[in-house]
C-alpha atoms as a PDB file:
ATOM      1  CA  MET A   1      32.650  88.270  40.725  1.00  0.00           C
ATOM      2  CA  LEU A   2      35.649  88.613  43.622  1.00  0.00           C
ATOM      3  CA  TYR A   3      38.671  86.993  42.306  1.00  0.00           C
ATOM      4  CA  ARG A   4      42.121  86.703  43.679  1.00  0.00           C
ATOM      5  CA  THR A   5      44.027  89.503  42.795  1.00  0.00           C
ATOM      6  CA  ILE A   6      48.522  89.404  43.519  1.00  0.00           C
ATOM      7  CA  MET A   7      49.964  92.841  43.193  1.00  0.00           C
ATOM      8  CA  PRO A   8      53.765  92.057  41.900  1.00  0.00           C
ATOM      9  CA  PHE A   9      53.642  95.780  40.234  1.00  0.00           C
ATOM     10  CA  ILE A  10      55.016  97.059  43.716  1.00  0.00           C
ATOM     11  CA  LYS A  11      56.925  93.968  44.905  1.00  0.00           C
ATOM     12  CA  ASP A  12      60.442  95.901  44.396  1.00  0.00           C
ATOM     13  CA  GLU A  13      59.575  99.401  44.174  1.00  0.00           C
ATOM     14  CA  THR A  14      61.267 101.454  46.914  1.00  0.00           C
ATOM     15  CA  PHE A  15      59.131 104.531  46.791  1.00  0.00           C
ATOM     16  CA  GLY A  16      62.366 107.251  45.855  1.00  0.00           C
ATOM     17  CA  GLY A  17      64.216 104.902  47.910  1.00  0.00           C
ATOM     18  CA  SER A  18      61.885 105.942  51.076  1.00  0.00           C
ATOM     19  CA  TYR A  19      61.345 102.034  50.961  1.00  0.00           C
ATOM     20  CA  THR A  20      64.244 100.011  50.087  1.00  0.00           C
ATOM     21  CA  PHE A  21      63.448  97.318  52.435  1.00  0.00           C
ATOM     22  CA  ALA A  22      64.074  93.649  50.896  1.00  0.00           C
ATOM     23  CA  PRO A  23      60.732  91.775  50.518  1.00  0.00           C
ATOM     24  CA  ARG A  24      59.816  88.642  52.221  1.00  0.00           C
ATOM     25  CA  PHE A  25      56.454  86.217  51.163  1.00  0.00           C
ATOM     26  CA  LEU A  26      55.289  83.973  53.415  1.00  0.00           C
ATOM     27  CA  ASP A  27      52.391  80.814  51.980  1.00  0.00           C
ATOM     28  CA  ALA A  28      49.581  82.190  54.367  1.00  0.00           C
ATOM     29  CA  GLY A  29      47.124  80.059  54.171  1.00  0.00           C
ATOM     30  CA  GLY A  30      46.640  80.525  50.362  1.00  0.00           C
ATOM     31  CA  PHE A  31      47.694  83.836  49.773  1.00  0.00           C
ATOM     32  CA  ARG A  32      51.341  85.323  49.961  1.00  0.00           C
ATOM     33  CA  MET A  33      51.573  87.003  52.825  1.00  0.00           C
ATOM     34  CA  HIS A  34      54.329  90.137  52.454  1.00  0.00           C
ATOM     35  CA  TYR A  35      56.726  90.714  55.264  1.00  0.00           C
ATOM     36  CA  ILE A  36      59.977  93.144  56.139  1.00  0.00           C
ATOM     37  CA  ASP A  37      62.818  91.285  58.038  1.00  0.00           C
ATOM     38  CA  GLU A  38      65.768  93.786  58.926  1.00  0.00           C
ATOM     39  CA  GLY A  39      68.551  93.249  61.549  1.00  0.00           C
ATOM     40  CA  ASP A  40      69.230  90.709  64.164  1.00  0.00           C
ATOM     41  CA  GLY A  41      68.382  90.572  67.976  1.00  0.00           C
ATOM     42  CA  GLU A  42      65.442  90.587  69.716  1.00  0.00           C
ATOM     43  CA  PRO A  43      62.521  90.823  67.643  1.00  0.00           C
ATOM     44  CA  VAL A  44      60.274  94.011  67.236  1.00  0.00           C
ATOM     45  CA  LEU A  45      56.796  93.666  65.660  1.00  0.00           C
ATOM     46  CA  MET A  46      55.520  96.290  63.726  1.00  0.00           C
ATOM     47  CA  LEU A  47      52.241  96.478  62.633  1.00  0.00           C
ATOM     48  CA  HIS A  48      49.889  99.027  60.312  1.00  0.00           C
ATOM     49  CA  GLY A  49      46.107  99.472  60.608  1.00  0.00           C
ATOM     50  CA  ASP A  50      43.777 100.755  58.075  1.00  0.00           C
ATOM     51  CA  PRO A  51      44.368 102.375  54.984  1.00  0.00           C
ATOM     52  CA  THR A  52      48.450 102.168  55.703  1.00  0.00           C
ATOM     53  CA  TRP A  53      50.575  99.197  55.123  1.00  0.00           C
ATOM     54  CA  GLY A  54      54.329  98.385  55.826  1.00  0.00           C
ATOM     55  CA  TYR A  55      55.226 101.744  54.762  1.00  0.00           C
ATOM     56  CA  LEU A  56      53.690 103.394  57.774  1.00  0.00           C
ATOM     57  CA  TRP A  57      56.912 102.531  59.564  1.00  0.00           C
ATOM     58  CA  ARG A  58      59.527 103.176  57.104  1.00  0.00           C
ATOM     59  CA  ASN A  59      61.399 105.725  59.530  1.00  0.00           C
ATOM     60  CA  PHE A  60      61.594 103.682  61.988  1.00  0.00           C
ATOM     61  CA  ILE A  61      63.131  99.970  60.259  1.00  0.00           C
ATOM     62  CA  PRO A  62      66.531 101.578  59.574  1.00  0.00           C
ATOM     63  CA  SER A  63      67.097 102.739  63.486  1.00  0.00           C
ATOM     64  CA  PHE A  64      65.808  99.990  64.912  1.00  0.00           C
ATOM     65  CA  SER A  65      67.324  97.178  62.573  1.00  0.00           C
ATOM     66  CA  GLN A  66      70.646  98.222  63.940  1.00  0.00           C
ATOM     67  CA  SER A  67      69.883  96.831  67.233  1.00  0.00           C
ATOM     68  CA  LYS A  68      66.810  94.443  66.620  1.00  0.00           C
ATOM     69  CA  ARG A  69      65.109  92.025  64.130  1.00  0.00           C
ATOM     70  CA  VAL A  70      62.490  94.456  62.848  1.00  0.00           C
ATOM     71  CA  VAL A  71      59.653  92.350  61.387  1.00  0.00           C
ATOM     72  CA  VAL A  72      56.544  94.556  59.477  1.00  0.00           C
ATOM     73  CA  PRO A  73      54.498  92.685  57.815  1.00  0.00           C
ATOM     74  CA  ASP A  74      52.041  93.581  55.435  1.00  0.00           C
ATOM     75  CA  HIS A  75      48.188  92.698  56.446  1.00  0.00           C
ATOM     76  CA  MET A  76      45.887  90.766  53.590  1.00  0.00           C
ATOM     77  CA  GLY A  77      44.973  93.284  51.094  1.00  0.00           C
ATOM     78  CA  MET A  78      47.157  95.329  52.177  1.00  0.00           C
ATOM     79  CA  GLY A  79      50.535  96.512  50.356  1.00  0.00           C
ATOM     80  CA  LYS A  80      53.080  94.138  49.073  1.00  0.00           C
ATOM     81  CA  SER A  81      49.997  90.652  50.511  1.00  0.00           C
ATOM     82  CA  ASP A  82      47.964  89.489  48.059  1.00  0.00           C
ATOM     83  CA  ALA A  83      44.205  90.116  48.301  1.00  0.00           C
ATOM     84  CA  PRO A  84      42.744  87.056  47.778  1.00  0.00           C
ATOM     85  CA  ASP A  85      39.412  85.864  46.920  1.00  0.00           C
ATOM     86  CA  THR A  86      38.709  83.745  49.890  1.00  0.00           C
ATOM     87  CA  PRO A  87      37.846  84.186  52.696  1.00  0.00           C
ATOM     88  CA  TYR A  88      36.254  87.083  51.834  1.00  0.00           C
ATOM     89  CA  PRO A  89      35.087  89.598  53.787  1.00  0.00           C
ATOM     90  CA  TYR A  90      38.380  89.615  55.594  1.00  0.00           C
ATOM     91  CA  LEU A  91      37.257  89.761  59.309  1.00  0.00           C
ATOM     92  CA  LEU A  92      39.470  90.472  62.219  1.00  0.00           C
ATOM     93  CA  ARG A  93      39.708  86.695  63.001  1.00  0.00           C
ATOM     94  CA  HIS A  94      41.372  86.090  59.491  1.00  0.00           C
ATOM     95  CA  HIS A  95      44.088  88.882  59.879  1.00  0.00           C
ATOM     96  CA  VAL A  96      45.057  86.969  63.609  1.00  0.00           C
ATOM     97  CA  ALA A  97      45.117  83.890  61.961  1.00  0.00           C
ATOM     98  CA  ASN A  98      48.096  84.889  59.371  1.00  0.00           C
ATOM     99  CA  LEU A  99      49.361  86.708  61.883  1.00  0.00           C
ATOM    100  CA  GLU A 100      49.949  84.061  63.757  1.00  0.00           C
ATOM    101  CA  SER A 101      51.346  82.321  60.733  1.00  0.00           C
ATOM    102  CA  LEU A 102      53.943  84.429  60.377  1.00  0.00           C
ATOM    103  CA  VAL A 103      55.469  85.040  63.942  1.00  0.00           C
ATOM    104  CA  LEU A 104      55.424  81.165  64.497  1.00  0.00           C
ATOM    105  CA  SER A 105      56.987  80.425  61.171  1.00  0.00           C
ATOM    106  CA  LEU A 106      59.507  82.614  61.595  1.00  0.00           C
ATOM    107  CA  GLY A 107      60.119  81.325  65.266  1.00  0.00           C
ATOM    108  CA  LEU A 108      60.430  84.503  66.936  1.00  0.00           C
ATOM    109  CA  SER A 109      59.541  85.329  71.029  1.00  0.00           C
ATOM    110  CA  GLY A 110      60.501  87.981  73.670  1.00  0.00           C
ATOM    111  CA  ILE A 111      58.754  90.300  70.780  1.00  0.00           C
ATOM    112  CA  THR A 112      58.366  93.701  71.263  1.00  0.00           C
ATOM    113  CA  LEU A 113      55.034  94.149  70.057  1.00  0.00           C
ATOM    114  CA  VAL A 114      54.308  97.574  68.511  1.00  0.00           C
ATOM    115  CA  VAL A 115      50.985  98.333  67.493  1.00  0.00           C
ATOM    116  CA  HIS A 116      48.744 101.392  65.535  1.00  0.00           C
ATOM    117  CA  ASP A 117      44.959 101.403  64.393  1.00  0.00           C
ATOM    118  CA  TRP A 118      43.832  98.241  63.185  1.00  0.00           C
ATOM    119  CA  GLY A 119      47.436  97.061  64.339  1.00  0.00           C
ATOM    120  CA  GLY A 120      45.726  96.785  67.681  1.00  0.00           C
ATOM    121  CA  PRO A 121      43.216  94.437  67.591  1.00  0.00           C
ATOM    122  CA  VAL A 122      44.923  92.257  65.322  1.00  0.00           C
ATOM    123  CA  GLY A 123      48.116  92.327  66.754  1.00  0.00           C
ATOM    124  CA  LEU A 124      46.533  91.777  70.654  1.00  0.00           C
ATOM    125  CA  GLY A 125      44.217  89.073  69.563  1.00  0.00           C
ATOM    126  CA  PHE A 126      47.773  87.072  68.533  1.00  0.00           C
ATOM    127  CA  ALA A 127      49.402  88.009  71.307  1.00  0.00           C
ATOM    128  CA  VAL A 128      46.511  87.050  74.032  1.00  0.00           C
ATOM    129  CA  ARG A 129      46.262  83.526  71.984  1.00  0.00           C
ATOM    130  CA  HIS A 130      50.312  83.429  72.634  1.00  0.00           C
ATOM    131  CA  PRO A 131      51.283  85.575  75.677  1.00  0.00           C
ATOM    132  CA  GLU A 132      54.195  83.933  76.357  1.00  0.00           C
ATOM    133  CA  LEU A 133      55.887  85.359  73.403  1.00  0.00           C
ATOM    134  CA  ILE A 134      55.336  88.857  73.950  1.00  0.00           C
ATOM    135  CA  LYS A 135      58.198  90.993  75.955  1.00  0.00           C
ATOM    136  CA  SER A 136      57.020  94.195  76.168  1.00  0.00           C
ATOM    137  CA  LEU A 137      53.913  96.004  74.631  1.00  0.00           C
ATOM    138  CA  VAL A 138      53.956  99.402  72.855  1.00  0.00           C
ATOM    139  CA  ILE A 139      50.737 100.883  71.623  1.00  0.00           C
ATOM    140  CA  THR A 140      49.777 104.025  69.367  1.00  0.00           C
ATOM    141  CA  ASN A 141      46.442 105.603  68.645  1.00  0.00           C
ATOM    142  CA  THR A 142      44.325 102.153  68.784  1.00  0.00           C
ATOM    143  CA  TRP A 143      41.450  99.966  70.427  1.00  0.00           C
ATOM    144  CA  ALA A 144      40.862  96.313  71.271  1.00  0.00           C
ATOM    145  CA  PHE A 145      37.914  96.895  73.168  1.00  0.00           C
ATOM    146  CA  ALA A 146      34.090  94.785  71.647  1.00  0.00           C
ATOM    147  CA  SER A 147      32.423  98.498  71.823  1.00  0.00           C
ATOM    148  CA  TRP A 148      33.486 101.098  69.985  1.00  0.00           C
ATOM    149  CA  PRO A 149      35.547 103.742  72.604  1.00  0.00           C
ATOM    150  CA  GLY A 150      36.314 105.856  70.392  1.00  0.00           C
ATOM    151  CA  ALA A 151      34.047 109.825  68.588  1.00  0.00           C
ATOM    152  CA  PRO A 152      31.198 108.984  67.248  1.00  0.00           C
ATOM    153  CA  TYR A 153      31.889 107.314  63.885  1.00  0.00           C
ATOM    154  CA  PRO A 154      33.479 109.964  61.173  1.00  0.00           C
ATOM    155  CA  LYS A 155      30.796 110.468  57.454  1.00  0.00           C
ATOM    156  CA  LEU A 156      33.981 108.957  55.982  1.00  0.00           C
ATOM    157  CA  ILE A 157      33.235 105.974  57.552  1.00  0.00           C
ATOM    158  CA  GLU A 158      30.047 105.832  57.998  1.00  0.00           C
ATOM    159  CA  MET A 159      29.723 106.170  54.435  1.00  0.00           C
ATOM    160  CA  ILE A 160      31.823 103.072  53.909  1.00  0.00           C
ATOM    161  CA  ARG A 161      29.749 101.042  56.301  1.00  0.00           C
ATOM    162  CA  SER A 162      26.676 102.357  54.024  1.00  0.00           C
ATOM    163  CA  PRO A 163      25.335 101.190  50.497  1.00  0.00           C
ATOM    164  CA  ARG A 164      27.192 103.484  49.064  1.00  0.00           C
ATOM    165  CA  GLY A 165      30.700 101.552  50.014  1.00  0.00           C
ATOM    166  CA  GLU A 166      31.718  99.779  47.558  1.00  0.00           C
ATOM    167  CA  GLN A 167      31.390 102.746  44.828  1.00  0.00           C
ATOM    168  CA  PHE A 168      33.217 104.871  46.970  1.00  0.00           C
ATOM    169  CA  VAL A 169      35.858 102.558  47.807  1.00  0.00           C
ATOM    170  CA  LEU A 170      36.372 100.140  44.752  1.00  0.00           C
ATOM    171  CA  GLU A 171      34.958 102.079  42.102  1.00  0.00           C
ATOM    172  CA  LYS A 172      36.095 106.039  43.064  1.00  0.00           C
ATOM    173  CA  ASN A 173      39.445 104.763  44.973  1.00  0.00           C
ATOM    174  CA  GLY A 174      38.029 107.648  47.278  1.00  0.00           C
ATOM    175  CA  TYR A 175      39.086 106.801  50.670  1.00  0.00           C
ATOM    176  CA  VAL A 176      42.476 105.952  50.464  1.00  0.00           C
ATOM    177  CA  ALA A 177      43.602 109.931  50.247  1.00  0.00           C
ATOM    178  CA  ARG A 178      40.978 110.861  52.486  1.00  0.00           C
ATOM    179  CA  ALA A 179      41.633 109.379  55.691  1.00  0.00           C
ATOM    180  CA  MET A 180      45.214 110.204  55.410  1.00  0.00           C
ATOM    181  CA  ALA A 181      44.556 114.080  55.329  1.00  0.00           C
ATOM    182  CA  GLY A 182      41.477 113.913  58.165  1.00  0.00           C
ATOM    183  CA  THR A 183      43.857 112.544  60.541  1.00  0.00           C
ATOM    184  CA  VAL A 184      47.177 114.470  60.289  1.00  0.00           C
ATOM    185  CA  ASN A 185      47.867 117.508  61.564  1.00  0.00           C
ATOM    186  CA  TYR A 186      50.124 118.196  59.300  1.00  0.00           C
ATOM    187  CA  PRO A 187      48.927 117.669  55.947  1.00  0.00           C
ATOM    188  CA  GLU A 188      52.170 118.776  53.819  1.00  0.00           C
ATOM    189  CA  LYS A 189      54.180 116.126  55.357  1.00  0.00           C
ATOM    190  CA  LEU A 190      51.704 113.456  53.394  1.00  0.00           C
ATOM    191  CA  THR A 191      53.925 115.096  49.729  1.00  0.00           C
ATOM    192  CA  ASP A 192      52.930 113.779  46.812  1.00  0.00           C
ATOM    193  CA  GLU A 193      55.891 111.073  46.457  1.00  0.00           C
ATOM    194  CA  VAL A 194      54.231 109.343  50.164  1.00  0.00           C
ATOM    195  CA  MET A 195      50.705 109.790  48.909  1.00  0.00           C
ATOM    196  CA  ALA A 196      51.666 107.957  45.956  1.00  0.00           C
ATOM    197  CA  ALA A 197      53.086 105.739  48.226  1.00  0.00           C
ATOM    198  CA  TYR A 198      49.960 104.612  50.418  1.00  0.00           C
ATOM    199  CA  LEU A 199      48.103 104.413  47.285  1.00  0.00           C
ATOM    200  CA  ALA A 200      50.226 102.615  45.056  1.00  0.00           C
ATOM    201  CA  PRO A 201      48.956  98.851  46.334  1.00  0.00           C
ATOM    202  CA  PHE A 202      44.888 100.003  45.486  1.00  0.00           C
ATOM    203  CA  PRO A 203      44.688 100.221  41.242  1.00  0.00           C
ATOM    204  CA  THR A 204      42.420  98.688  40.267  1.00  0.00           C
ATOM    205  CA  PRO A 205      38.638  97.891  42.348  1.00  0.00           C
ATOM    206  CA  GLU A 206      39.607  94.301  42.924  1.00  0.00           C
ATOM    207  CA  SER A 207      42.838  95.468  44.669  1.00  0.00           C
ATOM    208  CA  ARG A 208      40.956  98.014  47.701  1.00  0.00           C
ATOM    209  CA  ARG A 209      38.593  95.193  48.741  1.00  0.00           C
ATOM    210  CA  ALA A 210      40.460  95.451  51.782  1.00  0.00           C
ATOM    211  CA  LEU A 211      40.039  98.949  52.534  1.00  0.00           C
ATOM    212  CA  LEU A 212      36.099  98.014  52.056  1.00  0.00           C
ATOM    213  CA  CYS A 213      36.463  95.165  54.680  1.00  0.00           C
ATOM    214  CA  TRP A 214      38.362  96.743  57.372  1.00  0.00           C
ATOM    215  CA  SER A 215      35.894  99.850  58.177  1.00  0.00           C
ATOM    216  CA  ARG A 216      32.960  97.361  58.112  1.00  0.00           C
ATOM    217  CA  ASP A 217      34.103  94.926  60.597  1.00  0.00           C
ATOM    218  CA  ILE A 218      34.493  97.378  63.101  1.00  0.00           C
ATOM    219  CA  PRO A 219      32.109  95.990  65.693  1.00  0.00           C
ATOM    220  CA  VAL A 220      29.448  97.744  66.767  1.00  0.00           C
ATOM    221  CA  ASN A 221      26.704  95.152  68.514  1.00  0.00           C
ATOM    222  CA  GLU A 222      27.021  91.860  69.876  1.00  0.00           C
ATOM    223  CA  GLY A 223      25.621  89.979  66.895  1.00  0.00           C
ATOM    224  CA  ASP A 224      28.746  91.736  64.729  1.00  0.00           C
ATOM    225  CA  ALA A 225      31.198  88.996  62.845  1.00  0.00           C
ATOM    226  CA  SER A 226      34.127  90.529  64.905  1.00  0.00           C
ATOM    227  CA  TRP A 227      32.152  91.358  68.075  1.00  0.00           C
ATOM    228  CA  GLY A 228      33.095  87.622  69.694  1.00  0.00           C
ATOM    229  CA  GLU A 229      37.063  88.011  68.692  1.00  0.00           C
ATOM    230  CA  MET A 230      37.087  91.876  69.593  1.00  0.00           C
ATOM    231  CA  LYS A 231      35.282  90.700  73.118  1.00  0.00           C
ATOM    232  CA  ARG A 232      37.957  87.717  74.226  1.00  0.00           C
ATOM    233  CA  ILE A 233      40.771  90.157  73.079  1.00  0.00           C
ATOM    234  CA  GLU A 234      39.302  92.420  75.246  1.00  0.00           C
ATOM    235  CA  ASP A 235      39.057  90.327  78.065  1.00  0.00           C
ATOM    236  CA  ASN A 236      42.216  88.909  78.024  1.00  0.00           C
ATOM    237  CA  LEU A 237      44.209  92.444  77.883  1.00  0.00           C
ATOM    238  CA  LYS A 238      45.051  91.394  81.496  1.00  0.00           C
ATOM    239  CA  LEU A 239      47.474  88.553  81.100  1.00  0.00           C
ATOM    240  CA  PHE A 240      49.995  92.367  80.151  1.00  0.00           C
ATOM    241  CA  ASP A 241      49.859  93.868  82.842  1.00  0.00           C
ATOM    242  CA  ASP A 242      53.517  92.385  84.256  1.00  0.00           C
ATOM    243  CA  ILE A 243      55.172  93.128  81.588  1.00  0.00           C
ATOM    244  CA  PRO A 244      56.493  96.438  80.161  1.00  0.00           C
ATOM    245  CA  VAL A 245      54.298  98.387  78.061  1.00  0.00           C
ATOM    246  CA  LEU A 246      54.444 101.987  76.352  1.00  0.00           C
ATOM    247  CA  ILE A 247      51.689 104.311  75.375  1.00  0.00           C
ATOM    248  CA  VAL A 248      52.090 107.160  73.252  1.00  0.00           C
ATOM    249  CA  TRP A 249      49.397 109.360  71.561  1.00  0.00           C
ATOM    250  CA  GLY A 250      48.521 111.636  69.455  1.00  0.00           C
ATOM    251  CA  MET A 251      47.028 113.885  70.976  1.00  0.00           C
ATOM    252  CA  LEU A 252      44.469 115.692  68.357  1.00  0.00           C
ATOM    253  CA  ASP A 253      43.022 112.262  67.179  1.00  0.00           C
ATOM    254  CA  PRO A 254      39.921 113.083  65.459  1.00  0.00           C
ATOM    255  CA  VAL A 255      38.752 109.173  65.950  1.00  0.00           C
ATOM    256  CA  LEU A 256      40.490 107.956  69.090  1.00  0.00           C
ATOM    257  CA  PRO A 257      40.999 110.758  71.226  1.00  0.00           C
ATOM    258  CA  PRO A 258      42.334 111.451  74.628  1.00  0.00           C
ATOM    259  CA  ASP A 259      38.933 109.001  76.007  1.00  0.00           C
ATOM    260  CA  VAL A 260      40.869 106.032  74.191  1.00  0.00           C
ATOM    261  CA  LEU A 261      44.079 106.886  75.917  1.00  0.00           C
ATOM    262  CA  ALA A 262      42.790 107.099  78.839  1.00  0.00           C
ATOM    263  CA  MET A 263      41.149 103.463  78.882  1.00  0.00           C
ATOM    264  CA  TRP A 264      44.144 101.908  78.117  1.00  0.00           C
ATOM    265  CA  LYS A 265      45.731 103.581  80.699  1.00  0.00           C
ATOM    266  CA  ARG A 266      43.236 101.977  83.512  1.00  0.00           C
ATOM    267  CA  ILE A 267      43.866  98.938  82.256  1.00  0.00           C
ATOM    268  CA  TYR A 268      48.023  99.277  82.180  1.00  0.00           C
ATOM    269  CA  THR A 269      47.886 101.273  85.237  1.00  0.00           C
ATOM    270  CA  ARG A 270      51.834 100.687  85.273  1.00  0.00           C
ATOM    271  CA  ALA A 271      52.171 102.009  81.714  1.00  0.00           C
ATOM    272  CA  VAL A 272      54.826 104.651  80.592  1.00  0.00           C
ATOM    273  CA  VAL A 273      52.955 107.036  78.710  1.00  0.00           C
ATOM    274  CA  ARG A 274      53.856 109.201  76.642  1.00  0.00           C
ATOM    275  CA  GLU A 275      51.057 112.202  74.820  1.00  0.00           C
ATOM    276  CA  ILE A 276      52.552 114.221  71.518  1.00  0.00           C
ATOM    277  CA  PRO A 277      50.169 117.275  71.769  1.00  0.00           C
ATOM    278  CA  ASP A 278      50.663 118.112  67.880  1.00  0.00           C
ATOM    279  CA  ALA A 279      49.805 115.209  66.054  1.00  0.00           C
ATOM    280  CA  SER A 280      46.703 113.303  64.978  1.00  0.00           C
ATOM    281  CA  HIS A 281      45.932 109.398  64.475  1.00  0.00           C
ATOM    282  CA  PHE A 282      48.890 109.245  62.155  1.00  0.00           C
ATOM    283  CA  LEU A 283      51.980 110.366  64.499  1.00  0.00           C
ATOM    284  CA  GLN A 284      53.974 108.184  62.856  1.00  0.00           C
ATOM    285  CA  GLU A 285      53.670 110.474  60.142  1.00  0.00           C
ATOM    286  CA  ASP A 286      53.048 113.968  62.609  1.00  0.00           C
ATOM    287  CA  ARG A 287      55.625 113.515  64.477  1.00  0.00           C
ATOM    288  CA  PRO A 288      57.884 110.415  63.918  1.00  0.00           C
ATOM    289  CA  ASP A 289      60.481 111.721  65.719  1.00  0.00           C
ATOM    290  CA  ALA A 290      58.985 112.221  68.383  1.00  0.00           C
ATOM    291  CA  LEU A 291      57.476 108.304  68.864  1.00  0.00           C
ATOM    292  CA  LEU A 292      60.879 107.444  67.626  1.00  0.00           C
ATOM    293  CA  GLN A 293      62.512 108.599  70.978  1.00  0.00           C
ATOM    294  CA  ALA A 294      59.265 107.967  72.973  1.00  0.00           C
ATOM    295  CA  ILE A 295      60.079 103.606  71.909  1.00  0.00           C
ATOM    296  CA  VAL A 296      64.018 103.783  71.826  1.00  0.00           C
ATOM    297  CA  GLU A 297      64.193 105.173  75.611  1.00  0.00           C
ATOM    298  CA  PHE A 298      61.948 102.463  76.375  1.00  0.00           C
ATOM    299  CA  MET A 299      63.326  99.446  74.645  1.00  0.00           C
ATOM    300  CA  GLU A 300      66.913 100.980  75.938  1.00  0.00           C
END
């Protein structure tokens, strides 16, 4: 039986001083959505994907918050947010609606939207609903296309999408560590302390439900649950053709390879593009210095 799970055990955890930002919470339609809100100025909204949480942006928040208001939410079931039993399974439209609740409640406008992995569909799903709130886009190793544009599914994702997924993700907790290690170019940067932080939100089978949902929600066929939502996002990407766009890509990504970067470049023909040749999917871990520099220069 599924039941609501709250994760107060990491509410104030700083993970060795690497994540010292004050936790804030919003009641987003029946669950507590955690977010970081640091600094003052024009808002920078930074969105993680799967299987990460706001910790992904720990090396960026201090720098950006010196001159900007940095908002970093944890999606439903991830990080310090609740993992509710309703709605379940978690779908793209739920995450978009949650983000919409947060942004509108905070009154954000003139937003620089920074997205990665599933943060792309979620963030752009919100953006196409409220294009007037978006000042600029920063796209990093993500997609927002109804037909899967990336490489063939890794065996890890195929297994999660199979009937064996529940045992592997929920019972064995086998997903996070393997997913992270398989999509970085410098695995030595995933120290025991870093991996402990990424694993911390998921100590029980109930707390891992979102991890099962993300991979299963990637639309493949027109009848899939999130196909329509993803198609709506894809069809409206041109709404941002006239605003500044930065694309930063880890070129060694085995899941979203350079072919996907080429798709983004065809959509946003005037985008500033920065390729990081020695970074994989999690460029935030492989080359945070290069990504930070690219975004800082873009926002200047």
